[in-house]
Amino acid sequence: MAAKKSSTKKANKTKAPGVKRRRGVALRPTELSALQLADVSGAEGLAGLVARVEQDGGVVLAKYREPLGGHALLLVALPIEKVSPTPFQRDVSDAHVRKLTRAMDKTKRFLDPLIVVAADGMFWTPNGNHRLTALRELGAKSIVALLVPEPEVAYQILALNIEKAHSLRERAQEVVRMYRELSAISPQKESDYELEFEDPALVTLGFAYEQRGRLAGGAYHPILRKVDSWLASKLDAAITERERRASLILELDDAVNEAVQKLKDKGFTSPYLKTFVVARINPLRFIKGDLPSLDDLLQGMTKRARGMKMDKIKSEDLARSGGAPEEE
């Protein structure tokens, strides 16, 4: 027992005081020193990447290894016309770009390099589109970026993009753009992309937003999160099923909108009408044990929405429903 306690103490000493071990995180960083990060000898593919940068009119400013996994990276300067956002990325926020341009105008400095990967004859930035747009508006001719040798990292790195908080619509639209892009090139299953897609409900909502941009997805997201799941099919085959699930959401939305209109016709005026209708037809809060399938739940809610008895609804029922108005 004494030996066991001793080894436990020794293991604890390797952990810096006050540093948490996050549950579910298995990464063990390299033990590379600061000086060792400058050594990229043995890193594969860098020579071809350097040649690509120079061919496109750029220059490599530095080569180094990042400290977590020891992966080689290039710090590069690139002509700004050679850089574009990933095709599956969310649209830029004009307000955020305006804020960035003002900050850059005041500091007269660009201090936060983009992250880029080489793809389709360009350099895609999965993290930095707002900064890229701001630089273009300011008239810059070149940018500084961290060039990641592995193009597939572009799909993972969107999780690090914290320039601006995503709305539900933006997150879902970004996921479905990425989904369609990957389905053309990846042989992997949908369930292999849990990190990139974040939540199966976002995938279904993304396909629904494709067909109805003004969908009030926030009303249905909590419900979907309870019954939607990852598919074991390859991405190109899974698209059909995702589109089918999205059609169930749109059918439910049609029925909910009809019920909302009937309430308005009866004189109800409130920003909470859609939230009220969805809560009224949602049976999940009454179910103990196993939940219904996605199909059974959505089809059942659609039927209940179309059969709502408006004469039994009172203003105090609506007041008790509470909650926030739909995001749209």
Protein backbone atom coordinates (compact mmCIF):
# COMPACT_ATOMS: atom_id res chain seq x y z
CA MET A 1 0.00 0.00 0.00
CA ALA A 2 2.87 2.37 0.81
CA ALA A 3 4.34 1.90 -2.66
CA LYS A 4 0.99 2.70 -4.23
CA LYS A 5 0.65 5.94 -2.28
CA SER A 6 4.16 6.92 -3.28
CA SER A 7 3.45 6.42 -6.99
CA THR A 8 0.24 8.44 -6.65
CA LYS A 9 2.12 11.31 -5.10
CA LYS A 10 4.71 11.14 -7.86
CA ALA A 11 2.00 11.24 -10.56
CA ASN A 12 0.39 14.24 -8.92
CA LYS A 13 3.66 16.15 -9.00
CA THR A 14 3.61 16.11 -12.80
CA LYS A 15 0.40 18.09 -12.75
CA ALA A 16 0.80 21.83 -12.41
CA PRO A 17 -0.88 23.23 -9.28
CA GLY A 18 -4.31 24.67 -9.94
CA VAL A 19 -4.60 23.04 -13.41
CA LYS A 20 -7.76 21.03 -14.06
CA ARG A 21 -7.99 17.75 -15.91
CA ARG A 22 -11.09 18.11 -18.08
CA ARG A 23 -13.29 15.03 -18.34
CA GLY A 24 -13.34 13.49 -21.81
CA VAL A 25 -10.05 15.08 -22.88
CA ALA A 26 -7.40 12.43 -23.56
CA LEU A 27 -4.70 14.63 -25.10
CA ARG A 28 -1.25 14.42 -23.55
CA PRO A 29 0.87 17.30 -24.86
CA THR A 30 4.37 16.77 -26.17
CA GLU A 31 7.24 17.60 -23.87
CA LEU A 32 8.98 19.70 -26.49
CA SER A 33 10.91 22.62 -25.09
CA ALA A 34 10.66 26.10 -26.56
CA LEU A 35 13.92 25.55 -28.44
CA GLN A 36 12.76 22.19 -29.82
CA LEU A 37 9.65 23.78 -31.37
CA ALA A 38 11.93 25.39 -33.94
CA ASP A 39 13.12 21.99 -35.24
CA VAL A 40 10.92 20.75 -38.12
CA SER A 41 13.39 18.20 -39.46
CA GLY A 42 11.59 15.01 -40.45
CA ALA A 43 8.24 16.75 -41.02
CA GLU A 44 6.68 15.40 -44.22
CA GLY A 45 5.21 17.46 -47.04
CA LEU A 46 6.69 20.82 -46.06
CA ALA A 47 8.91 21.17 -49.13
CA GLY A 48 5.95 20.87 -51.51
CA LEU A 49 3.94 23.31 -49.42
CA VAL A 50 6.79 25.85 -49.39
CA ALA A 51 7.00 25.56 -53.18
CA ARG A 52 3.22 26.10 -53.44
CA VAL A 53 3.42 29.26 -51.32
CA GLU A 54 6.26 30.68 -53.40
CA GLN A 55 4.54 29.74 -56.68
CA ASP A 56 1.50 31.76 -55.59
CA GLY A 57 3.59 34.83 -54.84
CA GLY A 58 3.92 34.29 -51.11
CA VAL A 59 6.83 33.68 -48.78
CA VAL A 60 7.46 31.43 -45.77
CA LEU A 61 8.32 33.56 -42.74
CA ALA A 62 8.95 30.71 -40.30
CA LYS A 63 8.69 26.96 -39.79
CA TYR A 64 7.92 25.49 -36.38
CA ARG A 65 6.05 22.83 -34.40
CA GLU A 66 3.02 23.64 -32.30
CA PRO A 67 3.45 22.52 -28.65
CA LEU A 68 0.45 20.19 -28.16
CA GLY A 69 0.88 17.52 -30.84
CA GLY A 70 4.23 18.57 -32.25
CA HIS A 71 2.74 19.11 -35.71
CA ALA A 72 4.69 21.25 -38.17
CA LEU A 73 3.24 24.61 -39.21
CA LEU A 74 4.32 27.38 -41.54
CA LEU A 75 3.99 31.08 -40.82
CA VAL A 76 3.44 32.60 -44.25
CA ALA A 77 2.73 35.87 -46.02
CA LEU A 78 0.28 35.48 -48.93
CA PRO A 79 -1.24 37.73 -51.59
CA ILE A 80 -4.70 38.53 -50.28
CA GLU A 81 -6.39 37.48 -53.54
CA LYS A 82 -5.08 33.94 -52.97
CA VAL A 83 -7.06 33.55 -49.73
CA SER A 84 -10.77 32.77 -49.46
CA PRO A 85 -13.15 31.42 -46.81
CA THR A 86 -14.04 27.73 -46.82
CA PRO A 87 -17.13 27.13 -49.02
CA PHE A 88 -19.02 25.63 -46.08
CA GLN A 89 -18.47 28.54 -43.70
CA ARG A 90 -21.13 30.84 -42.26
CA ASP A 91 -21.61 34.27 -43.80
CA VAL A 92 -19.69 37.18 -42.28
CA SER A 93 -21.37 39.60 -39.90
CA ASP A 94 -21.23 43.14 -41.22
CA ALA A 95 -21.28 44.54 -37.68
CA HIS A 96 -18.31 42.38 -36.67
CA VAL A 97 -16.32 43.37 -39.76
CA ARG A 98 -17.06 47.03 -39.07
CA LYS A 99 -15.77 46.61 -35.50
CA LEU A 100 -12.59 44.92 -36.76
CA THR A 101 -11.86 47.55 -39.39
CA ARG A 102 -12.17 50.31 -36.81
CA ALA A 103 -9.86 48.50 -34.40
CA MET A 104 -7.27 47.88 -37.14
CA ASP A 105 -7.56 51.49 -38.30
CA LYS A 106 -6.82 52.66 -34.76
CA THR A 107 -3.87 50.33 -34.05
CA LYS A 108 -2.45 50.44 -37.61
CA ARG A 109 -1.47 46.81 -37.02
CA PHE A 110 -2.61 43.31 -38.05
CA LEU A 111 -1.64 41.13 -35.09
CA ASP A 112 -3.83 38.03 -35.37
CA PRO A 113 -2.78 35.74 -38.27
CA LEU A 114 -5.41 33.79 -40.16
CA ILE A 115 -5.37 30.00 -40.17
CA VAL A 116 -5.27 28.59 -43.70
CA VAL A 117 -5.02 25.30 -45.58
CA ALA A 118 -4.14 24.75 -49.25
CA ALA A 119 -7.20 23.66 -51.27
CA ASP A 120 -8.63 24.04 -54.79
CA GLY A 121 -5.83 26.28 -56.04
CA MET A 122 -6.42 28.69 -53.16
CA PHE A 123 -5.71 28.98 -49.47
CA TRP A 124 -8.91 28.44 -47.48
CA THR A 125 -9.32 30.07 -44.09
CA PRO A 126 -11.64 28.14 -41.73
CA ASN A 127 -10.79 30.60 -38.97
CA GLY A 128 -10.30 34.22 -39.98
CA ASN A 129 -12.94 35.18 -42.55
CA HIS A 130 -13.96 38.31 -40.65
CA ARG A 131 -10.33 39.44 -40.39
CA LEU A 132 -9.81 38.66 -44.09
CA THR A 133 -12.87 40.71 -45.04
CA ALA A 134 -11.73 43.60 -42.83
CA LEU A 135 -8.27 43.57 -44.41
CA ARG A 136 -9.80 43.65 -47.89
CA GLU A 137 -12.01 46.60 -46.96
CA LEU A 138 -8.94 48.44 -45.65
CA GLY A 139 -7.16 47.85 -48.95
CA ALA A 140 -4.43 45.44 -47.79
CA LYS A 141 -2.57 43.58 -50.55
CA SER A 142 -1.25 40.71 -48.42
CA ILE A 143 -2.02 38.80 -45.25
CA VAL A 144 -0.08 36.80 -42.66
CA ALA A 145 -1.35 33.31 -41.85
CA LEU A 146 -0.56 30.03 -40.14
CA LEU A 147 -0.53 27.40 -42.89
CA VAL A 148 -1.62 23.96 -41.68
CA PRO A 149 -0.24 21.17 -43.92
CA GLU A 150 -3.24 18.84 -43.44
CA PRO A 151 -6.30 20.13 -45.42
CA GLU A 152 -8.69 17.94 -43.42
CA VAL A 153 -7.99 20.06 -40.36
CA ALA A 154 -10.14 22.78 -41.95
CA TYR A 155 -13.24 20.74 -41.10
CA GLN A 156 -12.17 20.33 -37.48
CA ILE A 157 -10.85 23.80 -36.84
CA LEU A 158 -14.23 25.50 -37.20
CA ALA A 159 -14.77 24.42 -33.59
CA LEU A 160 -12.04 26.91 -32.64
CA ASN A 161 -13.73 29.78 -34.45
CA ILE A 162 -14.83 32.10 -31.67
CA GLU A 163 -14.69 35.47 -33.44
CA LYS A 164 -18.45 35.84 -33.10
CA ALA A 165 -21.05 33.73 -31.33
CA HIS A 166 -23.05 31.60 -33.77
CA SER A 167 -26.80 31.80 -33.80
CA LEU A 168 -28.62 28.51 -34.17
CA ARG A 169 -29.33 29.29 -37.82
CA GLU A 170 -25.66 30.09 -38.55
CA ARG A 171 -24.45 26.94 -36.81
CA ALA A 172 -26.92 24.73 -38.68
CA GLN A 173 -26.19 26.34 -42.05
CA GLU A 174 -22.46 26.00 -41.51
CA VAL A 175 -22.86 22.33 -40.61
CA VAL A 176 -24.93 21.50 -43.69
CA ARG A 177 -22.50 23.32 -46.01
CA MET A 178 -19.66 21.31 -44.51
CA TYR A 179 -21.77 18.14 -44.76
CA ARG A 180 -22.35 18.57 -48.49
CA GLU A 181 -18.70 19.43 -49.11
CA LEU A 182 -17.48 16.33 -47.25
CA SER A 183 -20.08 14.04 -48.83
CA ALA A 184 -18.39 14.56 -52.21
CA ILE A 185 -14.91 13.60 -51.00
CA SER A 186 -15.16 11.49 -47.87
CA PRO A 187 -15.88 7.75 -47.67
CA GLN A 188 -16.53 7.97 -43.92
CA LYS A 189 -19.81 7.59 -42.08
CA GLU A 190 -21.79 10.48 -40.66
CA SER A 191 -21.13 9.22 -37.15
CA ASP A 192 -17.38 9.67 -37.75
CA TYR A 193 -17.90 13.44 -37.86
CA GLU A 194 -19.38 14.05 -34.42
CA LEU A 195 -16.73 16.69 -33.63
CA GLU A 196 -17.19 18.58 -36.89
CA PHE A 197 -21.02 18.46 -36.95
CA GLU A 198 -21.44 18.91 -33.17
CA ASP A 199 -25.05 17.75 -32.85
CA PRO A 200 -27.26 15.54 -35.09
CA ALA A 201 -30.15 17.94 -34.54
CA LEU A 202 -28.07 20.71 -36.14
CA VAL A 203 -27.62 18.56 -39.24
CA THR A 204 -31.36 18.00 -39.65
CA LEU A 205 -32.10 21.68 -39.01
CA GLY A 206 -29.40 22.67 -41.50
CA PHE A 207 -31.12 20.73 -44.26
CA ALA A 208 -34.44 22.30 -43.21
CA TYR A 209 -32.93 25.80 -43.34
CA GLU A 210 -31.78 25.08 -46.89
CA GLN A 211 -35.41 24.85 -47.92
CA ARG A 212 -36.85 27.48 -45.58
CA GLY A 213 -34.45 30.23 -44.59
CA ARG A 214 -36.97 31.84 -42.23
CA LEU A 215 -37.61 28.65 -40.27
CA ALA A 216 -37.93 29.27 -36.52
CA GLY A 217 -35.50 26.47 -35.75
CA GLY A 218 -35.15 27.48 -32.11
CA ALA A 219 -38.69 26.21 -31.48
CA TYR A 220 -37.78 22.70 -32.64
CA HIS A 221 -34.12 22.32 -31.67
CA PRO A 222 -34.76 21.23 -28.02
CA ILE A 223 -37.19 18.57 -29.28
CA LEU A 224 -34.85 17.28 -31.98
CA ARG A 225 -31.96 17.02 -29.54
CA LYS A 226 -33.90 14.43 -27.58
CA VAL A 227 -34.80 12.13 -30.48
CA ASP A 228 -32.34 12.78 -33.33
CA SER A 229 -29.20 10.66 -33.62
CA TRP A 230 -26.12 10.09 -35.76
CA LEU A 231 -26.48 7.89 -38.83
CA ALA A 232 -24.22 4.92 -39.53
CA SER A 233 -24.45 5.50 -43.30
CA LYS A 234 -21.76 7.12 -45.44
CA LEU A 235 -22.29 10.83 -45.90
CA ASP A 236 -23.37 10.71 -49.54
CA ALA A 237 -26.01 8.09 -48.71
CA ALA A 238 -27.07 9.75 -45.44
CA ILE A 239 -28.08 12.97 -47.22
CA THR A 240 -31.34 11.39 -48.39
CA GLU A 241 -32.31 10.47 -44.84
CA ARG A 242 -31.37 13.90 -43.50
CA GLU A 243 -33.47 15.58 -46.18
CA ARG A 244 -36.39 13.30 -45.27
CA ARG A 245 -36.07 14.24 -41.58
CA ALA A 246 -35.88 17.90 -42.56
CA SER A 247 -39.14 17.50 -44.52
CA LEU A 248 -40.82 16.26 -41.32
CA ILE A 249 -39.69 19.43 -39.54
CA LEU A 250 -41.04 21.59 -42.36
CA GLU A 251 -44.36 19.74 -42.33
CA LEU A 252 -44.58 20.30 -38.58
CA ASP A 253 -43.68 23.96 -39.06
CA ASP A 254 -46.49 24.35 -41.59
CA ALA A 255 -48.98 22.90 -39.10
CA VAL A 256 -47.66 25.10 -36.27
CA ASN A 257 -47.87 28.21 -38.46
CA GLU A 258 -51.49 27.35 -39.30
CA ALA A 259 -52.29 27.03 -35.60
CA VAL A 260 -50.56 30.34 -34.86
CA GLN A 261 -52.63 32.05 -37.55
CA LYS A 262 -55.82 30.66 -36.06
CA LEU A 263 -54.83 32.10 -32.67
CA LYS A 264 -54.18 35.46 -34.31
CA ASP A 265 -57.59 35.28 -35.99
CA LYS A 266 -59.11 34.83 -32.52
CA GLY A 267 -57.44 38.05 -31.36
CA PHE A 268 -54.33 36.66 -29.64
CA THR A 269 -51.33 38.95 -30.15
CA SER A 270 -48.07 37.84 -28.58
CA PRO A 271 -44.47 37.15 -29.67
CA TYR A 272 -44.82 33.81 -27.85
CA LEU A 273 -47.51 32.26 -30.02
CA LYS A 274 -45.27 29.78 -31.83
CA THR A 275 -43.52 28.84 -28.60
CA PHE A 276 -46.91 28.32 -26.99
CA VAL A 277 -48.21 26.09 -29.79
CA VAL A 278 -45.07 23.94 -29.86
CA ALA A 279 -45.15 23.51 -26.07
CA ARG A 280 -48.86 22.64 -26.24
CA ILE A 281 -48.38 19.83 -28.77
CA ASN A 282 -45.07 18.49 -27.36
CA PRO A 283 -45.69 15.25 -25.41
CA LEU A 284 -42.09 14.72 -24.24
CA ARG A 285 -42.57 16.34 -20.84
CA PHE A 286 -45.25 13.76 -20.01
CA ILE A 287 -43.28 10.70 -21.19
CA LYS A 288 -41.49 8.56 -18.65
CA GLY A 289 -39.02 5.98 -19.89
CA ASP A 290 -38.30 5.33 -23.54
CA LEU A 291 -38.85 8.22 -25.93
CA PRO A 292 -40.71 7.85 -29.23
CA SER A 293 -38.82 7.70 -32.50
CA LEU A 294 -38.15 10.93 -34.39
CA ASP A 295 -40.77 10.03 -36.98
CA ASP A 296 -43.46 9.16 -34.43
CA LEU A 297 -42.80 12.30 -32.42
CA LEU A 298 -42.80 14.78 -35.29
CA GLN A 299 -45.75 13.21 -37.09
CA GLY A 300 -47.71 13.07 -33.84
CA MET A 301 -46.97 16.73 -33.09
CA THR A 302 -48.02 17.69 -36.62
CA LYS A 303 -51.34 15.88 -36.16
CA ARG A 304 -51.93 17.57 -32.79
CA ALA A 305 -51.12 21.02 -34.21
CA ARG A 306 -53.70 20.56 -36.96
CA GLY A 307 -56.28 19.35 -34.47
CA MET A 308 -55.81 22.05 -31.80
CA LYS A 309 -59.12 23.25 -30.30
CA MET A 310 -58.76 27.03 -30.35
CA ASP A 311 -62.01 27.63 -28.45
CA LYS A 312 -60.48 26.00 -25.36
CA ILE A 313 -57.44 28.29 -25.24
CA LYS A 314 -57.54 31.25 -22.89
CA SER A 315 -55.27 34.27 -22.54
CA GLU A 316 -54.04 33.00 -19.15
CA ASP A 317 -52.88 29.77 -20.85
CA LEU A 318 -50.66 31.83 -23.12
CA ALA A 319 -49.36 33.91 -20.21
CA ARG A 320 -48.36 30.77 -18.31
CA SER A 321 -46.39 29.38 -21.26
CA GLY A 322 -43.55 31.89 -20.73
CA GLY A 323 -40.29 31.32 -22.60
CA ALA A 324 -38.58 33.50 -25.15
CA PRO A 325 -40.12 34.50 -28.47
CA GLU A 326 -38.93 32.62 -31.52
CA GLU A 327 -35.54 33.85 -32.78
CA GLU A 328 -36.94 35.09 -36.10
